C-alpha atoms as a PDB file:
ATOM      1  CA  UNK A   1     108.839 103.103  80.020  1.00  0.00           C
ATOM      2  CA  UNK A   2     112.130 101.436  79.273  1.00  0.00           C
ATOM      3  CA  UNK A   3     113.503  98.336  81.009  1.00  0.00           C
ATOM      4  CA  UNK A   4     116.024 100.554  82.820  1.00  0.00           C
ATOM      5  CA  UNK A   5     113.307 102.861  84.220  1.00  0.00           C
ATOM      6  CA  UNK A   6     111.398  99.975  85.804  1.00  0.00           C
ATOM      7  CA  UNK A   7     112.065  98.864  89.358  1.00  0.00           C
ATOM      8  CA  UNK A   8     112.216  95.081  89.094  1.00  0.00           C
ATOM      9  CA  UNK A   9     111.777  92.923  92.190  1.00  0.00           C
ATOM     10  CA  UNK A  10     112.152  89.132  92.152  1.00  0.00           C
ATOM     11  CA  UNK A  11     110.093  87.177  94.671  1.00  0.00           C
ATOM     12  CA  UNK A  12     110.347  83.463  95.425  1.00  0.00           C
ATOM     13  CA  UNK A  13     107.139  81.569  96.227  1.00  0.00           C
ATOM     14  CA  UNK A  14     106.677  78.628  98.621  1.00  0.00           C
ATOM     15  CA  UNK A  15     107.610  76.147  95.865  1.00  0.00           C
ATOM     16  CA  UNK A  16     110.866  77.985  95.119  1.00  0.00           C
ATOM     17  CA  UNK A  17     109.673  79.505  91.825  1.00  0.00           C
ATOM     18  CA  UNK A  18     110.877  83.018  91.016  1.00  0.00           C
ATOM     19  CA  UNK A  19     108.448  85.713  89.880  1.00  0.00           C
ATOM     20  CA  UNK A  20     109.473  89.181  88.667  1.00  0.00           C
ATOM     21  CA  UNK A  21     107.419  92.243  89.517  1.00  0.00           C
ATOM     22  CA  UNK A  22     107.694  95.886  88.534  1.00  0.00           C
ATOM     23  CA  UNK A  23     107.488  98.050  91.667  1.00  0.00           C
ATOM     24  CA  UNK A  24     105.079 100.854  90.760  1.00  0.00           C
ATOM     25  CA  UNK A  25     104.780 102.702  94.034  1.00  0.00           C
ATOM     26  CA  UNK A  26     105.227 102.568  97.783  1.00  0.00           C
ATOM     27  CA  UNK A  27     102.407 104.145  99.769  1.00  0.00           C
ATOM     28  CA  UNK A  28     101.949 104.752 103.465  1.00  0.00           C
ATOM     29  CA  UNK A  29      98.585 104.106 105.094  1.00  0.00           C
ATOM     30  CA  UNK A  30      98.037 104.611 108.818  1.00  0.00           C
ATOM     31  CA  UNK A  31     101.754 104.303 109.563  1.00  0.00           C
ATOM     32  CA  UNK A  32     102.340 101.122 107.538  1.00  0.00           C
ATOM     33  CA  UNK A  33     104.083 100.967 104.158  1.00  0.00           C
ATOM     34  CA  UNK A  34     102.772  99.027 101.176  1.00  0.00           C
ATOM     35  CA  UNK A  35     104.422  98.025  97.894  1.00  0.00           C
ATOM     36  CA  UNK A  36     102.264  98.181  94.759  1.00  0.00           C
ATOM     37  CA  UNK A  37     103.642  95.909  92.050  1.00  0.00           C
ATOM     38  CA  UNK A  38     102.653  94.455  88.675  1.00  0.00           C
ATOM     39  CA  UNK A  39     103.770  90.943  87.695  1.00  0.00           C
ATOM     40  CA  UNK A  40     106.104  90.781  84.700  1.00  0.00           C
ATOM     41  CA  UNK A  41     104.080  87.912  83.236  1.00  0.00           C
ATOM     42  CA  UNK A  42     100.343  88.463  82.789  1.00  0.00           C
ATOM     43  CA  UNK A  43      97.899  85.950  81.332  1.00  0.00           C
ATOM     44  CA  UNK A  44      96.507  88.586  78.941  1.00  0.00           C
ATOM     45  CA  UNK A  45      96.901  92.336  78.547  1.00  0.00           C
ATOM     46  CA  UNK A  46      93.338  92.809  79.819  1.00  0.00           C
ATOM     47  CA  UNK A  47      94.184  90.908  83.014  1.00  0.00           C
ATOM     48  CA  UNK A  48      96.917  93.340  84.077  1.00  0.00           C
ATOM     49  CA  UNK A  49      96.446  93.732  87.797  1.00  0.00           C
ATOM     50  CA  UNK A  50      98.587  95.145  90.536  1.00  0.00           C
ATOM     51  CA  UNK A  51      99.384  93.231  93.696  1.00  0.00           C
ATOM     52  CA  UNK A  52      99.872  94.893  97.056  1.00  0.00           C
ATOM     53  CA  UNK A  53     102.135  93.716  99.862  1.00  0.00           C
ATOM     54  CA  UNK A  54     102.697  95.232 103.307  1.00  0.00           C
ATOM     55  CA  UNK A  55     106.357  96.068 103.940  1.00  0.00           C
ATOM     56  CA  UNK A  56     107.547  94.834 107.330  1.00  0.00           C
ATOM     57  CA  UNK A  57     110.938  94.618 108.998  1.00  0.00           C
ATOM     58  CA  UNK A  58     112.227  91.295 110.325  1.00  0.00           C
ATOM     59  CA  UNK A  59     114.362  90.692 113.426  1.00  0.00           C
ATOM     60  CA  UNK A  60     117.539  91.428 111.450  1.00  0.00           C
ATOM     61  CA  UNK A  61     116.242  94.796 110.240  1.00  0.00           C
ATOM     62  CA  UNK A  62     115.656  93.504 106.707  1.00  0.00           C
ATOM     63  CA  UNK A  63     112.552  94.621 104.857  1.00  0.00           C
ATOM     64  CA  UNK A  64     110.215  91.872 103.714  1.00  0.00           C
ATOM     65  CA  UNK A  65     106.937  91.755 101.802  1.00  0.00           C
ATOM     66  CA  UNK A  66     103.905  90.247 103.526  1.00  0.00           C
ATOM     67  CA  UNK A  67     100.506  89.311 102.095  1.00  0.00           C
ATOM     68  CA  UNK A  68      97.605  91.432 103.319  1.00  0.00           C
ATOM     69  CA  UNK A  69      95.099  88.994 104.788  1.00  0.00           C
ATOM     70  CA  UNK A  70      92.764  91.488 106.485  1.00  0.00           C
ATOM     71  CA  UNK A  71      89.964  92.670 104.166  1.00  0.00           C
ATOM     72  CA  UNK A  72      89.579  96.010 105.987  1.00  0.00           C
ATOM     73  CA  UNK A  73      93.311  96.742 105.744  1.00  0.00           C
ATOM     74  CA  UNK A  74      93.295  95.871 102.030  1.00  0.00           C
ATOM     75  CA  UNK A  75      90.244  98.101 101.440  1.00  0.00           C
ATOM     76  CA  UNK A  76      91.966 101.059 103.163  1.00  0.00           C
ATOM     77  CA  UNK A  77      95.061 100.678 100.989  1.00  0.00           C
ATOM     78  CA  UNK A  78      92.929 100.448  97.831  1.00  0.00           C
ATOM     79  CA  UNK A  79      91.051 103.583  98.876  1.00  0.00           C
ATOM     80  CA  UNK A  80      94.308 105.528  99.261  1.00  0.00           C
ATOM     81  CA  UNK A  81      95.528 104.243  95.883  1.00  0.00           C
ATOM     82  CA  UNK A  82      92.251 105.279  94.234  1.00  0.00           C
ATOM     83  CA  UNK A  83      92.647 108.776  95.708  1.00  0.00           C
ATOM     84  CA  UNK A  84      96.236 108.984  94.403  1.00  0.00           C
ATOM     85  CA  UNK A  85      95.079 107.981  90.924  1.00  0.00           C
ATOM     86  CA  UNK A  86      92.265 110.550  91.007  1.00  0.00           C
ATOM     87  CA  UNK A  87      94.667 113.277  92.153  1.00  0.00           C
ATOM     88  CA  UNK A  88      97.106 112.344  89.384  1.00  0.00           C
ATOM     89  CA  UNK A  89      94.336 112.394  86.774  1.00  0.00           C
ATOM     90  CA  UNK A  90      93.122 115.778  88.045  1.00  0.00           C
ATOM     91  CA  UNK A  91      96.616 117.268  87.915  1.00  0.00           C
ATOM     92  CA  UNK A  92      97.070 116.040  84.335  1.00  0.00           C
ATOM     93  CA  UNK A  93      93.778 117.661  83.319  1.00  0.00           C
ATOM     94  CA  UNK A  94      94.782 120.954  84.947  1.00  0.00           C
ATOM     95  CA  UNK A  95      98.308 121.061  83.446  1.00  0.00           C
ATOM     96  CA  UNK A  96      98.179 123.319  80.359  1.00  0.00           C
ATOM     97  CA  UNK A  97     101.443 121.758  79.093  1.00  0.00           C
ATOM     98  CA  UNK A  98      99.936 118.271  78.943  1.00  0.00           C
ATOM     99  CA  UNK A  99      99.213 117.302  75.329  1.00  0.00           C
ATOM    100  CA  UNK A 100      95.567 116.562  74.576  1.00  0.00           C
END
């Protein structure tokens, strides 16, 4: 995937440090939207992990990303993401035009 095809998002932490993330997907679970992103900088290639934020709207109508603090909510989102990955894998296996 080229730099132009990636959806880069820059977030600023509590200390004012900027962190770039590649937005992989936005999923909806039980009426709420969640952003699935991968940090631009990873410690090692094996450590590549996605982070998930809930998308909320503030008083001004601006979208903002919020940490998911509820374990049950996080588990539900992960379950939906796992199902999406399985469905994608299944569709690739079934596609006769997909190279082996």
